[in-house]
Protein backbone atom coordinates (compact mmCIF):
# COMPACT_ATOMS: atom_id res chain seq x y z
CA MET A 1 12.11 -5.99 -25.43
CA SER A 2 10.41 -3.77 -27.97
CA SER A 3 9.06 -0.45 -26.83
CA PRO A 4 5.32 -0.09 -26.21
CA THR A 5 3.26 1.04 -29.19
CA LEU A 6 0.25 3.34 -28.99
CA ARG A 7 -2.97 1.55 -29.92
CA ARG A 8 -6.58 2.62 -30.10
CA TYR A 9 -7.18 2.84 -26.37
CA GLY A 10 -3.66 3.35 -25.09
CA PHE A 11 -0.25 1.74 -24.93
CA ARG A 12 0.19 -1.95 -25.56
CA LEU A 13 2.44 -3.03 -22.69
CA ALA A 14 4.28 -6.25 -21.98
CA PRO A 15 2.54 -8.37 -19.28
CA HIS A 16 4.92 -7.39 -16.47
CA ARG A 17 4.76 -3.72 -17.45
CA ARG A 18 0.98 -3.63 -17.39
CA VAL A 19 1.13 -5.04 -13.85
CA PHE A 20 3.63 -2.33 -12.89
CA ALA A 21 1.32 0.31 -14.40
CA ALA A 22 -1.67 -1.04 -12.46
CA PHE A 23 0.20 -0.87 -9.15
CA PHE A 24 1.47 2.65 -9.92
CA LEU A 25 -1.94 4.04 -10.84
CA TYR A 26 -3.64 2.34 -7.90
CA ALA A 27 -1.29 4.11 -5.46
CA PHE A 28 -1.37 7.40 -7.35
CA ALA A 29 -5.18 7.43 -7.15
CA LEU A 30 -5.24 7.17 -3.35
CA GLY A 31 -1.92 8.78 -2.38
CA GLY A 32 -2.73 12.45 -2.95
CA PHE A 33 -5.01 12.61 0.07
CA PHE A 34 -2.37 11.97 2.73
CA PRO A 35 0.15 14.77 2.06
CA ARG A 36 -2.73 17.21 2.62
CA LEU A 37 -4.08 15.47 5.71
CA ALA A 38 -2.59 17.98 8.16
CA GLU A 39 -4.34 20.81 6.33
CA LEU A 40 -7.61 18.86 6.15
CA GLN A 41 -7.40 18.10 9.86
CA ARG A 42 -7.02 21.79 10.65
CA SER A 43 -9.85 22.83 8.33
CA MET A 44 -12.19 20.29 9.97
CA GLY A 45 -11.05 21.32 13.46
CA LEU A 46 -10.42 17.72 14.55
CA GLY A 47 -8.13 16.23 17.15
CA GLU A 48 -6.01 13.23 16.26
CA GLY A 49 -8.46 10.78 17.83
CA ALA A 50 -11.45 12.11 15.89
CA LEU A 51 -9.41 12.18 12.69
CA GLY A 52 -8.35 8.59 13.29
CA PHE A 53 -12.00 7.58 13.66
CA GLY A 54 -12.83 9.16 10.32
CA LEU A 55 -9.93 7.41 8.59
CA ILE A 56 -11.24 4.04 9.77
CA GLY A 57 -13.94 4.35 7.09
CA ALA A 58 -11.43 3.27 4.44
CA ALA A 59 -10.45 0.22 6.50
CA CYS A 60 -14.08 -0.83 6.93
CA GLY A 61 -14.74 -0.49 3.22
CA THR A 62 -11.62 -2.51 2.42
CA LEU A 63 -12.69 -5.33 4.72
CA LEU A 64 -16.17 -5.42 3.18
CA SER A 65 -14.71 -5.55 -0.31
CA LEU A 66 -12.14 -8.25 0.44
CA THR A 67 -14.82 -10.34 2.12
CA PHE A 68 -17.65 -10.10 -0.40
CA ALA A 69 -16.31 -8.84 -3.74
CA GLY A 70 -14.33 -11.92 -4.83
CA ARG A 71 -17.08 -13.64 -6.83
CA LEU A 72 -18.23 -10.37 -8.41
CA ILE A 73 -14.68 -9.64 -9.55
CA GLU A 74 -14.46 -13.12 -11.10
CA ARG A 75 -17.64 -12.42 -13.09
CA VAL A 76 -16.79 -8.86 -14.11
CA GLY A 77 -13.15 -9.58 -14.85
CA HIS A 78 -9.86 -8.02 -13.81
CA ARG A 79 -9.72 -5.58 -16.72
CA ALA A 80 -13.14 -4.04 -16.07
CA THR A 81 -12.42 -3.87 -12.34
CA LEU A 82 -9.25 -1.85 -12.85
CA LEU A 83 -10.64 0.45 -15.53
CA ALA A 84 -13.67 1.33 -13.41
CA LEU A 85 -12.40 1.36 -9.84
CA VAL A 86 -9.01 3.09 -10.10
CA PRO A 87 -10.52 6.39 -11.37
CA LEU A 88 -13.39 6.01 -8.90
CA LEU A 89 -10.87 5.63 -6.09
CA SER A 90 -9.39 9.05 -6.85
CA LEU A 91 -12.92 10.49 -7.08
CA PHE A 92 -13.94 9.19 -3.66
CA TYR A 93 -10.81 10.65 -2.04
CA ALA A 94 -11.59 13.97 -3.71
CA PHE A 95 -15.08 13.83 -2.16
CA ALA A 96 -13.55 12.99 1.25
CA ALA A 97 -11.56 16.24 1.15
CA HIS A 98 -14.90 18.06 1.62
CA ALA A 99 -15.77 16.26 4.87
CA SER A 100 -16.97 18.53 7.66
CA GLY A 101 -16.36 16.16 10.58
CA PRO A 102 -15.28 12.65 11.58
CA VAL A 103 -18.60 10.95 10.81
CA THR A 104 -18.82 12.53 7.38
CA LEU A 105 -15.19 11.59 6.71
CA PHE A 106 -15.89 8.00 7.76
CA PHE A 107 -18.77 7.56 5.33
CA LEU A 108 -17.04 9.37 2.47
CA LEU A 109 -14.02 7.07 2.84
CA LEU A 110 -16.14 3.91 3.03
CA PRO A 111 -16.61 3.59 -0.78
CA ALA A 112 -12.93 4.44 -1.28
CA GLY A 113 -12.10 1.44 0.90
CA ILE A 114 -14.39 -0.78 -1.16
CA CYS A 115 -12.42 0.22 -4.27
CA ILE A 116 -9.11 -0.39 -2.47
CA GLY A 117 -10.04 -3.94 -1.47
CA ALA A 118 -11.12 -4.95 -4.97
CA VAL A 119 -8.13 -3.39 -6.71
CA GLU A 120 -5.72 -4.83 -4.12
CA LEU A 121 -6.96 -8.34 -4.81
CA VAL A 122 -6.78 -7.92 -8.59
CA VAL A 123 -3.30 -6.42 -8.84
CA ASN A 124 -1.70 -8.99 -6.54
CA LEU A 125 -3.30 -11.90 -8.38
CA GLU A 126 -2.17 -10.44 -11.69
CA ALA A 127 1.39 -10.02 -10.39
CA ASP A 128 1.49 -13.61 -9.15
CA ARG A 129 0.12 -15.06 -12.42
CA VAL A 130 2.48 -13.05 -14.63
CA GLU A 131 5.37 -13.99 -12.34
CA HIS A 132 4.44 -17.66 -12.61
CA HIS A 133 3.98 -17.76 -16.38
CA GLY A 134 7.03 -15.60 -17.11
CA GLY A 135 9.31 -17.56 -14.79
CA ARG A 136 10.77 -14.38 -13.31
CA ARG A 137 10.18 -12.63 -10.00
CA ILE A 138 8.15 -9.43 -10.29
CA MET A 139 6.14 -9.32 -7.04
CA ASN A 140 8.55 -7.07 -5.12
CA ARG A 141 9.11 -4.89 -8.17
CA SER A 142 5.34 -4.61 -8.63
CA HIS A 143 5.03 -3.29 -5.10
CA ALA A 144 7.92 -0.93 -5.85
CA PHE A 145 5.73 0.69 -8.48
CA TRP A 146 2.99 1.01 -5.85
CA SER A 147 5.50 2.97 -3.77
CA PHE A 148 6.56 5.04 -6.78
CA GLY A 149 2.91 5.84 -7.45
CA PHE A 150 2.48 6.93 -3.85
CA PHE A 151 5.68 8.97 -4.10
CA GLY A 152 4.35 10.65 -7.24
CA ALA A 153 1.10 11.49 -5.47
CA GLY A 154 3.02 12.77 -2.45
CA ALA A 155 5.28 14.92 -4.62
CA VAL A 156 2.29 16.42 -6.42
CA GLY A 157 0.62 17.06 -3.07
CA ALA A 158 3.71 18.74 -1.65
CA LEU A 159 4.01 20.91 -4.78
CA ALA A 160 0.32 21.85 -4.59
CA ALA A 161 0.78 22.86 -0.95
CA ARG A 162 3.84 24.90 -1.88
CA LEU A 163 1.86 26.71 -4.57
CA GLY A 164 -1.01 27.43 -2.19
CA ILE A 165 -3.52 25.20 -4.00
CA SER A 166 -6.20 24.01 -1.59
CA PRO A 167 -6.47 20.26 -0.89
CA GLN A 168 -9.95 20.25 -2.43
CA TRP A 169 -8.82 21.70 -5.77
CA HIS A 170 -5.67 19.61 -5.79
CA LEU A 171 -7.56 16.33 -5.28
CA ALA A 172 -10.22 17.35 -7.79
CA GLY A 173 -7.47 17.80 -10.36
CA VAL A 174 -6.09 14.33 -9.61
CA VAL A 175 -9.35 12.71 -10.82
CA PRO A 176 -9.14 13.57 -14.56
CA LEU A 177 -5.37 13.02 -14.51
CA THR A 178 -5.85 9.53 -13.08
CA ALA A 179 -8.60 8.74 -15.60
CA LEU A 180 -6.37 9.81 -18.49
CA LEU A 181 -3.45 7.71 -17.25
CA VAL A 182 -5.73 4.71 -16.77
CA VAL A 183 -6.88 4.96 -20.40
CA LEU A 184 -3.32 5.33 -21.69
CA LEU A 185 -1.66 2.66 -19.56
CA LEU A 186 -4.47 0.17 -18.85
CA GLY A 187 -6.79 0.69 -21.82
CA THR A 188 -5.43 -2.43 -23.55
CA PHE A 189 -5.08 -4.42 -20.31
CA GLU A 190 -5.63 -8.17 -20.69
CA ALA A 191 -5.91 -10.38 -17.62
CA ALA A 192 -3.25 -13.06 -17.22
CA ALA A 193 -4.20 -16.72 -17.37
CA HIS A 194 -4.70 -18.65 -14.14
CA ARG A 195 -1.73 -20.49 -12.69
CA SER A 196 -1.36 -24.02 -14.07
CA GLY A 197 -2.14 -26.63 -11.45
CA SER A 198 -3.92 -24.18 -9.17
CA HIS A 199 -7.54 -23.98 -8.11
CA ASP A 200 -9.50 -21.78 -10.49
CA ALA A 201 -12.61 -21.53 -8.38
CA PRO A 202 -13.44 -18.11 -6.99
CA ALA A 203 -12.55 -17.30 -3.43
CA HIS A 204 -15.02 -17.84 -0.64
CA HIS A 205 -16.78 -14.75 0.68
CA LEU A 206 -15.05 -15.12 4.03
CA ALA A 207 -11.49 -16.27 3.46
CA ARG A 208 -10.59 -18.14 6.65
CA PRO A 209 -6.88 -17.77 7.46
CA THR A 210 -4.92 -20.99 7.98
CA MET A 211 -2.07 -21.28 10.45
CA ALA A 212 0.42 -20.64 7.64
CA ILE A 213 -1.41 -17.47 6.62
CA MET A 214 -1.52 -16.26 10.23
CA ALA A 215 2.24 -16.77 10.52
CA LEU A 216 2.69 -14.61 7.42
CA VAL A 217 0.41 -11.97 8.97
CA LEU A 218 2.52 -11.75 12.14
CA PHE A 219 5.70 -11.55 10.09
CA SER A 220 4.47 -8.64 7.97
CA LEU A 221 2.59 -6.81 10.76
CA SER A 222 5.34 -4.37 11.77
CA GLY A 223 5.94 -3.34 8.18
CA LEU A 224 2.26 -2.77 7.55
CA LEU A 225 1.64 -0.91 10.80
CA LEU A 226 4.60 1.45 10.48
CA GLU A 227 4.10 1.99 6.78
CA GLY A 228 0.50 2.94 7.51
CA ALA A 229 1.57 5.17 10.40
CA ALA A 230 3.97 7.01 8.10
CA VAL A 231 1.24 7.42 5.48
CA ASP A 232 -1.39 8.72 7.92
CA TRP A 233 0.65 10.69 10.43
CA SER A 234 4.00 11.82 8.97
CA ALA A 235 2.65 15.14 7.65
CA ILE A 236 0.89 15.85 10.96
CA TYR A 237 4.00 14.76 12.89
CA MET A 238 6.15 17.28 11.01
CA ARG A 239 3.68 20.07 11.69
CA ASP A 240 3.03 19.30 15.38
CA VAL A 241 6.59 18.45 16.46
CA PHE A 242 8.65 20.89 14.38
CA ASP A 243 6.04 23.46 13.24
CA THR A 244 7.03 22.98 9.60
CA ALA A 245 5.16 24.23 6.54
CA ALA A 246 2.69 21.98 4.72
CA PHE A 247 5.30 21.43 1.99
CA VAL A 248 7.65 19.67 4.46
CA GLY A 249 4.82 17.43 5.63
CA GLY A 250 4.13 16.40 2.06
CA LEU A 251 7.86 15.85 1.56
CA ALA A 252 7.90 13.44 4.51
CA VAL A 253 5.16 11.34 2.90
CA ALA A 254 6.94 11.36 -0.46
CA THR A 255 10.39 10.58 1.00
CA GLY A 256 9.23 7.45 2.79
CA ALA A 257 7.41 6.22 -0.30
CA PHE A 258 10.37 6.83 -2.61
CA ALA A 259 12.83 5.04 -0.29
CA GLN A 260 10.43 2.14 0.00
CA GLY A 261 9.97 1.95 -3.76
CA ALA A 262 13.73 2.05 -4.44
CA ALA A 263 14.31 -0.80 -1.98
CA ARG A 264 11.50 -2.88 -3.46
CA TYR A 265 12.81 -2.29 -6.98
CA VAL A 266 16.09 -4.07 -6.24
CA ALA A 267 14.76 -6.52 -3.64
CA ASP A 268 14.14 -9.42 -6.04
CA ARG A 269 17.83 -9.64 -6.91
CA PHE A 270 18.82 -9.69 -3.25
CA VAL A 271 16.19 -12.31 -2.43
CA GLU A 272 17.68 -14.50 -5.15
CA ARG A 273 21.27 -14.03 -3.97
CA HIS A 274 20.64 -14.26 -0.24
CA SER A 275 18.12 -16.10 1.90
CA PRO A 276 14.75 -14.40 2.47
CA LEU A 277 15.34 -14.78 6.20
CA ALA A 278 18.64 -12.85 6.07
CA ILE A 279 17.07 -10.08 3.99
CA ALA A 280 14.06 -9.85 6.31
CA ARG A 281 16.15 -9.61 9.48
CA THR A 282 18.45 -7.00 7.96
CA LEU A 283 15.48 -4.85 6.98
CA LEU A 284 13.92 -5.26 10.42
CA VAL A 285 17.10 -3.74 11.89
CA VAL A 286 16.81 -0.84 9.43
CA LEU A 287 13.13 -0.42 10.34
CA CYS A 288 13.96 -0.36 14.05
CA LEU A 289 16.64 2.29 13.50
CA GLY A 290 14.35 4.46 11.38
CA THR A 291 11.54 4.22 13.93
CA LEU A 292 13.89 5.23 16.73
CA MET A 293 15.07 8.24 14.73
CA VAL A 294 11.51 9.41 14.10
CA ALA A 295 10.39 8.85 17.70
CA PHE A 296 13.34 10.80 19.17
CA ALA A 297 14.33 13.18 16.33
CA PRO A 298 15.73 16.53 17.60
CA ALA A 299 15.13 18.27 14.24
CA TRP A 300 12.98 17.67 11.18
CA PRO A 301 15.86 16.67 8.82
CA VAL A 302 16.68 13.81 11.22
CA ALA A 303 13.03 12.74 11.14
CA LEU A 304 13.08 12.90 7.35
CA ILE A 305 16.02 10.47 7.29
CA GLY A 306 14.13 8.30 9.77
CA PHE A 307 11.10 8.17 7.46
CA ALA A 308 13.40 7.15 4.59
CA LEU A 309 14.87 4.31 6.69
CA MET A 310 11.37 3.24 7.70
CA GLY A 311 10.46 3.12 4.01
CA VAL A 312 13.42 0.82 3.32
CA GLY A 313 12.67 -1.31 6.37
CA THR A 314 9.00 -1.84 5.47
CA SER A 315 9.71 -2.52 1.80
CA VAL A 316 9.80 -6.30 1.51
CA MET A 317 7.75 -7.87 4.30
CA PHE A 318 4.29 -7.62 2.77
CA PRO A 319 5.31 -8.45 -0.85
CA LEU A 320 7.13 -11.57 0.34
CA ALA A 321 4.16 -12.62 2.42
CA MET A 322 1.72 -11.97 -0.43
CA SER A 323 3.83 -13.95 -2.89
CA ALA A 324 4.08 -16.86 -0.47
CA ALA A 325 0.31 -16.85 0.07
CA ALA A 326 -0.45 -16.80 -3.65
CA GLN A 327 1.92 -19.72 -4.32
CA ARG A 328 0.25 -22.13 -1.91
CA THR A 329 -1.73 -24.96 -3.51
CA ASP A 330 -3.93 -25.99 -0.57
CA ARG A 331 -6.69 -23.58 -1.64
CA PRO A 332 -7.45 -21.27 -4.59
CA ALA A 333 -4.82 -18.56 -4.93
CA ALA A 334 -7.57 -15.94 -4.66
CA THR A 335 -8.66 -17.40 -1.31
CA ASN A 336 -5.18 -17.37 0.19
CA VAL A 337 -4.46 -13.88 -1.11
CA ALA A 338 -7.79 -12.64 0.25
CA ALA A 339 -7.19 -14.32 3.63
CA LEU A 340 -3.83 -12.59 4.00
CA ALA A 341 -5.12 -9.29 2.65
CA GLN A 342 -8.24 -9.29 4.84
CA ILE A 343 -6.09 -9.23 7.97
CA SER A 344 -2.84 -7.64 6.83
CA PHE A 345 -4.13 -4.92 4.57
CA VAL A 346 -6.88 -3.94 6.98
CA SER A 347 -4.19 -3.77 9.68
CA PHE A 348 -2.39 -1.33 7.38
CA LEU A 349 -5.55 0.81 7.20
CA LEU A 350 -7.10 0.22 10.63
CA GLY A 351 -4.09 0.20 12.97
CA PRO A 352 -2.61 3.59 12.03
CA PRO A 353 -5.90 5.51 12.42
CA LEU A 354 -6.31 3.98 15.87
CA LEU A 355 -2.87 5.35 16.69
CA GLY A 356 -4.52 8.76 16.47
CA PHE A 357 -5.91 8.17 19.96
CA VAL A 358 -2.35 7.49 21.13
CA ALA A 359 -1.18 10.72 19.50
CA GLU A 360 -3.95 12.71 21.15
CA HIS A 361 -3.28 11.41 24.67
CA LEU A 362 0.46 10.61 24.70
CA GLY A 363 1.85 12.75 21.89
CA ILE A 364 2.49 12.22 18.20
CA ARG A 365 5.97 10.76 18.79
CA TRP A 366 4.41 7.77 20.54
CA THR A 367 2.43 7.04 17.39
CA PHE A 368 5.71 5.71 16.00
CA GLY A 369 7.42 4.68 19.24
CA LEU A 370 4.74 2.11 19.99
CA GLY A 371 5.67 0.37 16.74
CA LEU A 372 8.98 -0.81 18.21
CA PRO A 373 7.50 -3.79 20.13
CA VAL A 374 5.76 -4.88 16.93
CA VAL A 375 9.12 -4.84 15.13
CA MET A 376 10.41 -7.17 17.85
CA LEU A 377 7.42 -9.47 17.26
CA SER A 378 8.16 -9.64 13.55
CA ALA A 379 11.78 -10.49 14.28
CA ALA A 380 10.69 -13.23 16.69
CA VAL A 381 8.52 -14.99 14.08
CA SER A 382 10.72 -14.26 11.06
CA SER A 383 11.97 -17.86 11.05
CA ILE A 384 8.72 -18.69 9.22
CA LEU A 385 10.64 -17.72 6.09
CA ARG A 386 12.78 -20.82 6.50
CA THR A 387 9.74 -22.89 5.51
CA PRO A 388 9.94 -23.63 1.77
CA ALA A 389 7.00 -22.70 -0.40
CA ARG A 390 4.87 -25.55 -1.70
CA ARG A 391 5.29 -24.34 -5.24
CA GLU A 392 8.74 -23.57 -6.60
CA ALA A 393 9.30 -19.85 -6.88
CA PRO A 394 10.52 -18.24 -10.11
CA SER A 395 14.29 -18.39 -10.32
CA ALA A 396 15.41 -15.23 -12.04
CA SER A 397 14.79 -11.57 -11.69
CA VAL A 398 13.49 -9.31 -14.42
């Protein structure tokens, strides 16, 4: 494959690479906020419960966007949506760093959630269409670049904390950096064609989940909940349990994201060579082990390893579920993707903030310990992966 060439508005990328770039920048735009969350919590003087309430603003905005933005995205187009909303996402998180209390934080994160929902829908549809037309699996690898983007944001956040840069200045600096990267990597973005043989009509405003979609939700729930818990609470966990510096908290966020991204990057090959059910159950064991290590860690290096194992364990569940939803032919792909995302992705954003009330009353370790029964639930319903997809999946990995 020839190397990208610089054009008027940025690099001309191959279709699968432009999808990877979109996932990376999407995560980079939102990921810088969470390594600094422990510092922001302290500056606002909030308990875990109040902080969790404020974080719910992003979940509410995401739900609103996934429910009502589908038709607007179809009219505006995928390219315009990404070029506008990814930089705006970083801007809204920079504004949220100036919140003075939980209510202010809630309303400042609401527009960030609206951007998240719209971008989430676009990037997953693009990944599915490019995967279909190219005949090669890229969905898991696409989500790997989401994790790499989050790792990059976490690493920058940890470095900023180490250098003594305030969260407000750090997140303000992320905005022009994100805008520049969007121009360079997505400036020549062209939306992929619809899947052949699929419904091309826009998704309904309220995407009603079918029984098949609900089964996929239950399967991916533990991965989403514990991934979100690690995003929201790992930095605060490191500070409260082990009294570590802000740099170590940021490192915990980055470590989990990097391990998750590395696992997703190679997952497509393993899915091809082994059954999805075998891969899923193996990773659920890894997730259970990582969660146990975090919940009962005697020292912060043990917890750091636990966060890495949690990253590996959460890596594949949601991408596999999203790919399966997009491949169904009973309804428009956008409708099935939105139905899964409306429940699953909001669970990723809504569940972990609610765990703040658990942390405040039972201790921060229980924020992760309570995820163990959900892992058992995912294992119990994992046999849903035995059901073949209605549309044949791509047969080779990139």
